[in-house]
């Protein structure tokens, strides 16, 4: 038995140790995680494509008789940017907003300012060369949805051994909401790439560069603004930042990213507070409004109030409860590992509860990367008897969620 364990350990070591030379040396273990994620994304995409018979029947978002003709959906049907059935595999819900912003700018609808400028701006730059907003958006989201994987693995290795870091990366990357929303045309993949890049630079002691990347991160999602706090606290802890100007720069610079969205909303609508007013989307109640306004009045009927205008996937309420319960438990545990990141996680958690749509909680919390950096969880999943069934179940749930996403059913 001991010899078998040694053989297994030796085999794993061969996989995760050593480098591959592509002009620059890349650790093999990073290629393992990248390859696993790419294979799973491709496999799930193919399964969904053929289950929906997308090439013949099409998705909900391709049918003009079923989709309401809101301004954000018009670009999905207009030539010369009409997407192919393969591209519609990644387009739905908020994708239409990002696509329309790239093609038309923010002025086509006052509601467009709810979507931060990071993703449409970067995709728009690529669109200058391609002259195709659909392809430009998909290239940025698909690439960023994979590029974050080795960054997370490198950060994981700061908190745990290499083998567990690989397990942690697979658990995170192939969890259902992460796998789905880092693949479809949403801002989550880019936000995660920038957030992880910022924290990796911070761990390297490059606080100036980390702050710049955090500033860009804040242009993709409002919670990117919160990265300033752990970077600032980490800089103070190392005592490398002494001048008050440097301290103010770290704290204030990411706010410029959020300010860009604020000013954009002001210019588009003429209302200085427009970015706040569209933040909750009326019927998309936050957890805070659910607890303080709906629950005291409607009691058990409260949840039907927040879903009355939407068809939701039946799994969604269970994932909402799961993340609401497990996220604070994980944050408390993480205090022992990295106090600065624990503070970031706590402010993120509170911010989402107060301002974020309750139905989107699984998506928001899935991309809170410190939750997936707990060594004990990685250790518990490191055996094949747990990891493989978890990955199979995650992929199966992702397929269910993706099918719902393309059928006009809300999944997050």
Protein backbone atom coordinates (compact mmCIF):
# COMPACT_ATOMS: atom_id res chain seq x y z
CA UNK A 1 0.00 0.00 0.00
CA UNK A 2 2.87 2.33 0.90
CA UNK A 3 4.58 1.64 -2.43
CA UNK A 4 1.35 2.43 -4.29
CA UNK A 5 1.05 5.76 -2.50
CA UNK A 6 4.64 6.57 -3.33
CA UNK A 7 3.96 5.77 -6.96
CA UNK A 8 0.90 8.00 -7.02
CA UNK A 9 2.78 10.84 -5.33
CA UNK A 10 5.65 10.43 -7.79
CA UNK A 11 3.22 10.54 -10.72
CA UNK A 12 1.56 13.72 -9.42
CA UNK A 13 4.97 15.31 -8.88
CA UNK A 14 5.88 14.67 -12.50
CA UNK A 15 2.71 16.46 -13.57
CA UNK A 16 3.02 19.53 -11.39
CA UNK A 17 6.81 19.94 -11.33
CA UNK A 18 9.13 21.12 -14.08
CA UNK A 19 8.75 23.66 -16.86
CA UNK A 20 7.80 23.77 -20.51
CA UNK A 21 9.82 26.11 -22.71
CA UNK A 22 7.84 28.22 -25.19
CA UNK A 23 10.52 30.86 -25.48
CA UNK A 24 9.71 31.56 -21.84
CA UNK A 25 9.54 28.88 -19.19
CA UNK A 26 6.02 28.02 -18.08
CA UNK A 27 5.51 25.63 -15.15
CA UNK A 28 3.82 22.41 -16.26
CA UNK A 29 1.31 22.63 -13.43
CA UNK A 30 -0.12 25.83 -14.93
CA UNK A 31 -0.56 24.12 -18.28
CA UNK A 32 -2.40 21.28 -16.55
CA UNK A 33 -5.00 23.63 -15.05
CA UNK A 34 -5.32 25.66 -18.27
CA UNK A 35 -5.77 22.49 -20.34
CA UNK A 36 -8.36 21.11 -17.90
CA UNK A 37 -10.39 24.31 -17.98
CA UNK A 38 -10.19 24.60 -21.77
CA UNK A 39 -11.27 20.99 -22.24
CA UNK A 40 -14.20 21.38 -19.85
CA UNK A 41 -15.35 24.68 -21.36
CA UNK A 42 -15.18 23.17 -24.85
CA UNK A 43 -16.92 19.96 -23.80
CA UNK A 44 -19.77 21.77 -22.04
CA UNK A 45 -20.16 24.20 -24.96
CA UNK A 46 -20.42 21.34 -27.46
CA UNK A 47 -22.94 19.46 -25.31
CA UNK A 48 -25.12 22.56 -24.88
CA UNK A 49 -24.88 23.40 -28.59
CA UNK A 50 -26.15 19.99 -29.65
CA UNK A 51 -28.71 19.57 -26.87
CA UNK A 52 -30.34 22.81 -28.01
CA UNK A 53 -29.80 21.94 -31.68
CA UNK A 54 -28.55 25.51 -31.87
CA UNK A 55 -27.48 25.27 -35.49
CA UNK A 56 -31.07 24.49 -36.60
CA UNK A 57 -33.55 25.58 -33.95
CA UNK A 58 -31.50 28.38 -32.44
CA UNK A 59 -31.67 29.78 -28.93
CA UNK A 60 -34.31 31.92 -27.26
CA UNK A 61 -32.17 34.98 -27.98
CA UNK A 62 -32.27 34.34 -31.75
CA UNK A 63 -36.09 34.35 -31.90
CA UNK A 64 -37.43 37.87 -32.37
CA UNK A 65 -40.97 36.70 -31.61
CA UNK A 66 -40.01 35.56 -28.09
CA UNK A 67 -37.46 38.14 -26.96
CA UNK A 68 -38.85 41.54 -26.00
CA UNK A 69 -37.58 44.19 -28.41
CA UNK A 70 -35.69 46.27 -25.87
CA UNK A 71 -32.96 48.52 -27.26
CA UNK A 72 -30.23 46.22 -25.92
CA UNK A 73 -31.57 43.26 -27.91
CA UNK A 74 -31.82 44.97 -31.29
CA UNK A 75 -28.10 44.57 -32.02
CA UNK A 76 -28.48 40.78 -31.72
CA UNK A 77 -30.68 40.80 -34.81
CA UNK A 78 -29.14 43.55 -36.92
CA UNK A 79 -26.81 43.08 -39.89
CA UNK A 80 -23.91 43.33 -40.57
CA UNK A 81 -23.28 42.21 -36.98
CA UNK A 82 -25.79 39.38 -36.93
CA UNK A 83 -24.20 36.60 -34.91
CA UNK A 84 -23.89 33.02 -36.10
CA UNK A 85 -25.54 30.19 -34.17
CA UNK A 86 -22.13 29.30 -32.73
CA UNK A 87 -21.69 32.82 -31.37
CA UNK A 88 -25.17 32.80 -29.87
CA UNK A 89 -23.94 29.99 -27.66
CA UNK A 90 -22.27 32.72 -25.57
CA UNK A 91 -24.84 35.51 -25.94
CA UNK A 92 -27.82 36.16 -23.72
CA UNK A 93 -29.22 38.40 -20.98
CA UNK A 94 -26.60 41.07 -20.10
CA UNK A 95 -24.46 40.15 -23.12
CA UNK A 96 -26.88 42.18 -25.24
CA UNK A 97 -26.15 45.29 -23.18
CA UNK A 98 -22.38 44.98 -23.55
CA UNK A 99 -22.76 44.26 -27.24
CA UNK A 100 -24.99 47.27 -27.82
CA UNK A 101 -22.64 49.57 -25.89
CA UNK A 102 -19.73 48.44 -28.07
CA UNK A 103 -21.74 49.02 -31.25
CA UNK A 104 -23.69 52.17 -30.31
CA UNK A 105 -22.15 53.70 -27.22
CA UNK A 106 -23.99 54.38 -23.98
CA UNK A 107 -26.45 56.91 -25.33
CA UNK A 108 -28.81 54.32 -26.89
CA UNK A 109 -30.50 53.74 -23.51
CA UNK A 110 -30.33 55.41 -20.06
CA UNK A 111 -30.28 51.93 -18.49
CA UNK A 112 -26.98 51.16 -20.22
CA UNK A 113 -25.03 53.05 -17.55
CA UNK A 114 -25.64 50.17 -15.13
CA UNK A 115 -22.92 48.33 -17.08
CA UNK A 116 -19.44 49.53 -16.25
CA UNK A 117 -17.18 50.67 -19.11
CA UNK A 118 -14.25 48.27 -18.65
CA UNK A 119 -15.44 45.37 -20.80
CA UNK A 120 -17.09 47.42 -23.58
CA UNK A 121 -14.08 49.76 -23.74
CA UNK A 122 -11.52 46.98 -24.13
CA UNK A 123 -13.76 45.14 -26.59
CA UNK A 124 -14.35 48.42 -28.40
CA UNK A 125 -10.62 48.88 -28.94
CA UNK A 126 -10.46 45.44 -30.55
CA UNK A 127 -13.55 46.30 -32.57
CA UNK A 128 -11.62 49.16 -34.21
CA UNK A 129 -9.59 46.47 -35.97
CA UNK A 130 -12.26 43.79 -36.46
CA UNK A 131 -15.28 46.03 -37.19
CA UNK A 132 -17.44 43.30 -35.63
CA UNK A 133 -18.68 43.94 -32.08
CA UNK A 134 -19.88 40.36 -31.60
CA UNK A 135 -16.48 38.84 -32.36
CA UNK A 136 -14.68 41.57 -30.41
CA UNK A 137 -16.77 40.97 -27.30
CA UNK A 138 -16.43 37.19 -27.48
CA UNK A 139 -12.65 37.26 -28.01
CA UNK A 140 -12.13 39.45 -24.93
CA UNK A 141 -14.48 37.47 -22.69
CA UNK A 142 -13.32 34.03 -23.81
CA UNK A 143 -9.62 34.87 -23.49
CA UNK A 144 -9.96 36.58 -20.12
CA UNK A 145 -12.14 33.67 -18.97
CA UNK A 146 -9.13 31.37 -19.30
CA UNK A 147 -6.22 33.74 -18.65
CA UNK A 148 -7.16 34.18 -14.98
CA UNK A 149 -6.66 30.48 -14.25
CA UNK A 150 -2.82 30.39 -13.97
CA UNK A 151 -2.91 33.68 -12.03
CA UNK A 152 -5.21 32.17 -9.43
CA UNK A 153 -3.03 29.08 -9.25
CA UNK A 154 0.07 31.22 -8.68
CA UNK A 155 -1.72 33.11 -5.89
CA UNK A 156 -2.93 29.82 -4.39
CA UNK A 157 0.66 28.65 -4.14
CA UNK A 158 1.32 31.60 -1.82
CA UNK A 159 -1.18 30.10 0.65
CA UNK A 160 -0.76 26.35 0.15
CA UNK A 161 1.50 23.73 -1.41
CA UNK A 162 1.57 23.31 -5.19
CA UNK A 163 -0.52 20.14 -5.32
CA UNK A 164 -3.29 21.68 -3.24
CA UNK A 165 -3.07 24.89 -5.28
CA UNK A 166 -3.82 22.89 -8.42
CA UNK A 167 -6.81 21.28 -6.71
CA UNK A 168 -8.01 24.69 -5.47
CA UNK A 169 -7.77 26.07 -9.01
CA UNK A 170 -9.82 23.22 -10.47
CA UNK A 171 -12.46 23.50 -7.73
CA UNK A 172 -12.82 27.22 -8.42
CA UNK A 173 -12.56 27.26 -12.22
CA UNK A 174 -14.95 24.36 -12.74
CA UNK A 175 -17.58 25.35 -10.18
CA UNK A 176 -20.90 25.91 -11.99
CA UNK A 177 -21.35 29.69 -11.81
CA UNK A 178 -17.65 30.37 -12.37
CA UNK A 179 -17.47 28.02 -15.34
CA UNK A 180 -20.61 29.50 -16.94
CA UNK A 181 -20.10 33.22 -16.34
CA UNK A 182 -16.39 33.18 -17.18
CA UNK A 183 -17.33 31.65 -20.56
CA UNK A 184 -20.40 33.55 -21.75
CA UNK A 185 -20.12 37.21 -22.76
CA UNK A 186 -20.22 38.76 -19.30
CA UNK A 187 -17.72 41.01 -17.47
CA UNK A 188 -16.96 38.46 -14.73
CA UNK A 189 -13.99 36.82 -16.47
CA UNK A 190 -12.28 40.15 -17.13
CA UNK A 191 -13.03 41.37 -13.60
CA UNK A 192 -11.51 38.22 -12.14
CA UNK A 193 -8.42 38.45 -14.36
CA UNK A 194 -7.77 42.04 -13.31
CA UNK A 195 -8.53 41.43 -9.63
CA UNK A 196 -6.19 38.45 -9.49
CA UNK A 197 -3.52 40.33 -11.44
CA UNK A 198 -3.72 43.16 -8.94
CA UNK A 199 -3.42 40.87 -5.93
CA UNK A 200 -0.57 38.86 -7.49
CA UNK A 201 1.38 42.10 -7.99
CA UNK A 202 0.56 43.07 -4.42
CA UNK A 203 1.98 39.80 -3.08
CA UNK A 204 5.13 40.52 -5.10
CA UNK A 205 5.45 43.86 -3.33
CA UNK A 206 4.73 45.86 -6.49
CA UNK A 207 2.11 48.07 -4.90
CA UNK A 208 2.14 50.79 -7.55
CA UNK A 209 1.46 48.34 -10.37
CA UNK A 210 -1.12 46.52 -8.24
CA UNK A 211 -2.98 49.78 -7.70
CA UNK A 212 -3.02 50.56 -11.43
CA UNK A 213 -4.50 47.14 -12.25
CA UNK A 214 -7.01 47.53 -9.39
CA UNK A 215 -8.06 50.84 -10.92
CA UNK A 216 -8.83 49.11 -14.22
CA UNK A 217 -10.62 46.34 -12.31
CA UNK A 218 -12.92 48.95 -10.79
CA UNK A 219 -14.04 49.90 -14.31
CA UNK A 220 -15.41 46.39 -14.87
CA UNK A 221 -17.38 45.78 -11.66
CA UNK A 222 -18.11 48.23 -8.81
CA UNK A 223 -16.64 45.82 -6.23
CA UNK A 224 -13.26 46.28 -7.94
CA UNK A 225 -13.07 49.51 -5.94
CA UNK A 226 -12.72 47.45 -2.75
CA UNK A 227 -9.30 46.08 -3.81
CA UNK A 228 -7.74 49.35 -2.68
CA UNK A 229 -8.26 48.38 0.96
CA UNK A 230 -6.29 45.08 1.13
CA UNK A 231 -3.53 46.49 -1.08
CA UNK A 232 -3.22 49.51 1.21
CA UNK A 233 -3.21 47.36 4.36
CA UNK A 234 -0.64 44.97 2.88
CA UNK A 235 1.57 47.91 1.91
CA UNK A 236 1.38 49.32 5.44
CA UNK A 237 2.23 45.91 6.87
CA UNK A 238 5.42 45.63 4.85
CA UNK A 239 6.42 49.20 5.85
CA UNK A 240 7.60 49.85 2.31
CA UNK A 241 5.18 52.73 1.80
CA UNK A 242 6.29 55.66 3.92
CA UNK A 243 5.24 58.85 2.16
CA UNK A 244 1.69 60.07 2.65
CA UNK A 245 1.36 60.68 -1.10
CA UNK A 246 1.99 57.00 -1.84
CA UNK A 247 -0.58 55.95 0.76
CA UNK A 248 -3.17 58.29 -0.67
CA UNK A 249 -2.40 57.04 -4.18
CA UNK A 250 -3.06 53.40 -3.22
CA UNK A 251 -6.30 54.27 -1.46
CA UNK A 252 -7.65 56.75 -3.99
CA UNK A 253 -6.54 55.50 -7.42
CA UNK A 254 -9.00 52.56 -7.73
CA UNK A 255 -11.72 55.07 -6.99
CA UNK A 256 -10.93 56.65 -10.35
CA UNK A 257 -12.15 53.47 -12.04
CA UNK A 258 -15.47 53.72 -10.25
CA UNK A 259 -15.52 57.47 -10.91
CA UNK A 260 -15.27 56.80 -14.65
CA UNK A 261 -18.59 54.91 -14.49
CA UNK A 262 -20.11 57.67 -12.35
CA UNK A 263 -19.08 60.42 -14.79
CA UNK A 264 -20.22 58.31 -17.72
CA UNK A 265 -23.69 57.99 -16.17
CA UNK A 266 -23.79 61.74 -15.57
CA UNK A 267 -22.83 62.55 -19.17
CA UNK A 268 -25.32 60.09 -20.66
CA UNK A 269 -28.33 60.98 -18.52
CA UNK A 270 -27.55 64.47 -17.21
CA UNK A 271 -28.23 63.12 -13.71
CA UNK A 272 -25.23 63.20 -11.35
CA UNK A 273 -26.68 60.33 -9.30
CA UNK A 274 -27.82 58.17 -12.21
CA UNK A 275 -25.32 55.39 -11.52
CA UNK A 276 -26.82 54.89 -8.06
CA UNK A 277 -30.42 55.05 -9.23
CA UNK A 278 -30.03 52.24 -11.79
CA UNK A 279 -27.98 50.07 -9.46
CA UNK A 280 -30.85 47.92 -8.22
CA UNK A 281 -32.94 47.61 -11.38
CA UNK A 282 -36.33 48.09 -9.71
CA UNK A 283 -37.68 44.55 -9.50
CA UNK A 284 -34.21 43.06 -8.90
CA UNK A 285 -34.34 43.51 -5.14
CA UNK A 286 -31.20 43.35 -3.04
CA UNK A 287 -30.99 41.07 -0.02
CA UNK A 288 -31.19 44.18 2.17
CA UNK A 289 -34.48 45.35 0.62
CA UNK A 290 -35.78 41.79 0.72
CA UNK A 291 -35.21 41.60 4.49
CA UNK A 292 -36.29 45.13 5.39
CA UNK A 293 -39.18 45.75 2.97
CA UNK A 294 -40.60 42.55 1.52
CA UNK A 295 -40.24 39.94 4.25
CA UNK A 296 -42.03 41.95 6.99
CA UNK A 297 -44.98 42.58 4.65
CA UNK A 298 -45.33 39.47 2.49
CA UNK A 299 -43.69 36.84 4.74
CA UNK A 300 -43.54 33.51 2.84
CA UNK A 301 -44.78 35.22 -0.31
CA UNK A 302 -41.72 37.49 -0.39
CA UNK A 303 -39.70 35.33 -2.75
CA UNK A 304 -42.50 35.27 -5.30
CA UNK A 305 -42.34 39.06 -5.31
CA UNK A 306 -38.76 39.10 -6.55
CA UNK A 307 -39.43 36.48 -9.22
CA UNK A 308 -42.79 37.70 -10.52
CA UNK A 309 -41.28 39.23 -13.66
CA UNK A 310 -38.76 36.46 -14.31
CA UNK A 311 -38.67 32.75 -14.98
CA UNK A 312 -35.83 31.44 -12.83
CA UNK A 313 -33.98 28.15 -12.80
CA UNK A 314 -35.34 25.99 -9.93
CA UNK A 315 -31.79 25.43 -8.64
CA UNK A 316 -31.20 29.15 -8.12
CA UNK A 317 -32.92 29.57 -4.70
CA UNK A 318 -30.84 26.71 -3.27
CA UNK A 319 -27.60 28.25 -4.51
CA UNK A 320 -28.63 31.62 -3.07
CA UNK A 321 -29.10 30.06 0.38
CA UNK A 322 -25.88 28.06 0.02
CA UNK A 323 -23.76 31.11 -0.75
CA UNK A 324 -25.45 33.26 1.89
CA UNK A 325 -24.57 30.68 4.55
CA UNK A 326 -21.17 29.41 3.42
CA UNK A 327 -19.62 32.72 2.39
CA UNK A 328 -19.44 34.29 5.89
CA UNK A 329 -18.23 30.97 7.36
CA UNK A 330 -15.41 30.87 4.82
CA UNK A 331 -14.53 34.52 5.47
CA UNK A 332 -14.24 33.85 9.21
CA UNK A 333 -11.96 30.90 8.52
CA UNK A 334 -9.86 32.94 6.10
CA UNK A 335 -9.00 35.53 8.77
CA UNK A 336 -6.29 33.14 9.99
CA UNK A 337 -4.80 32.89 6.51
CA UNK A 338 -4.76 36.50 5.28
CA UNK A 339 -6.39 39.24 7.34
CA UNK A 340 -6.19 41.80 4.53
CA UNK A 341 -8.03 39.57 2.06
CA UNK A 342 -10.54 38.64 4.76
CA UNK A 343 -11.37 42.34 5.19
CA UNK A 344 -11.76 42.66 1.42
CA UNK A 345 -14.06 39.62 1.40
CA UNK A 346 -16.17 40.97 4.25
CA UNK A 347 -16.67 44.39 2.62
CA UNK A 348 -17.47 42.64 -0.68
CA UNK A 349 -20.02 40.41 1.08
CA UNK A 350 -21.73 43.32 2.82
CA UNK A 351 -21.69 45.42 -0.36
CA UNK A 352 -23.41 42.70 -2.37
CA UNK A 353 -26.05 42.15 0.32
CA UNK A 354 -26.88 45.87 0.43
CA UNK A 355 -26.63 46.80 -3.26
CA UNK A 356 -26.54 43.61 -5.35
CA UNK A 357 -29.60 41.84 -6.75
CA UNK A 358 -30.53 38.93 -4.51
CA UNK A 359 -31.13 36.68 -7.53
CA UNK A 360 -27.54 37.27 -8.69
CA UNK A 361 -25.89 36.37 -5.38
CA UNK A 362 -24.46 33.01 -6.61
CA UNK A 363 -22.80 34.79 -9.55
CA UNK A 364 -21.43 37.64 -7.42
CA UNK A 365 -20.05 35.43 -4.64
CA UNK A 366 -18.60 32.86 -7.05
CA UNK A 367 -16.12 35.50 -8.22
CA UNK A 368 -14.99 36.48 -4.72
CA UNK A 369 -11.66 34.72 -5.22
CA UNK A 370 -10.46 34.51 -1.55
CA UNK A 371 -13.32 32.09 -0.83
CA UNK A 372 -11.53 29.50 -2.94
CA UNK A 373 -8.12 29.96 -1.28
CA UNK A 374 -8.76 27.89 1.84
CA UNK A 375 -6.20 25.06 2.15
CA UNK A 376 -8.51 22.86 4.24
CA UNK A 377 -11.11 22.80 1.46
CA UNK A 378 -8.46 21.96 -1.12
CA UNK A 379 -7.11 19.22 1.14
CA UNK A 380 -10.58 17.75 1.59
CA UNK A 381 -11.09 17.65 -2.19
CA UNK A 382 -7.59 16.44 -3.07
CA UNK A 383 -8.57 12.76 -3.16
CA UNK A 384 -10.05 11.29 -6.35
CA UNK A 385 -13.10 9.99 -4.47
CA UNK A 386 -14.27 13.54 -3.79
CA UNK A 387 -12.68 15.67 -6.51
CA UNK A 388 -13.85 13.67 -9.51
CA UNK A 389 -17.52 13.39 -8.39
CA UNK A 390 -17.44 17.12 -7.55
CA UNK A 391 -16.17 18.00 -11.02
CA UNK A 392 -18.70 15.72 -12.71
CA UNK A 393 -21.54 17.25 -10.67
CA UNK A 394 -20.26 20.79 -11.36
CA UNK A 395 -20.13 20.20 -15.09
CA UNK A 396 -23.62 18.65 -15.06
CA UNK A 397 -25.03 21.67 -13.17
CA UNK A 398 -23.21 24.03 -15.54
CA UNK A 399 -24.90 22.36 -18.50
CA UNK A 400 -28.30 22.79 -16.81
CA UNK A 401 -27.61 26.45 -16.04
CA UNK A 402 -26.25 27.14 -19.54
CA UNK A 403 -29.30 25.56 -21.17
CA UNK A 404 -31.52 27.76 -19.00
CA UNK A 405 -29.41 30.82 -19.83
CA UNK A 406 -29.95 30.25 -23.56
CA UNK A 407 -33.66 29.52 -23.08
CA UNK A 408 -34.37 32.90 -21.49
CA UNK A 409 -34.49 31.46 -17.95
CA UNK A 410 -32.70 33.57 -15.31
CA UNK A 411 -29.77 31.79 -13.63
CA UNK A 412 -27.87 34.62 -11.96
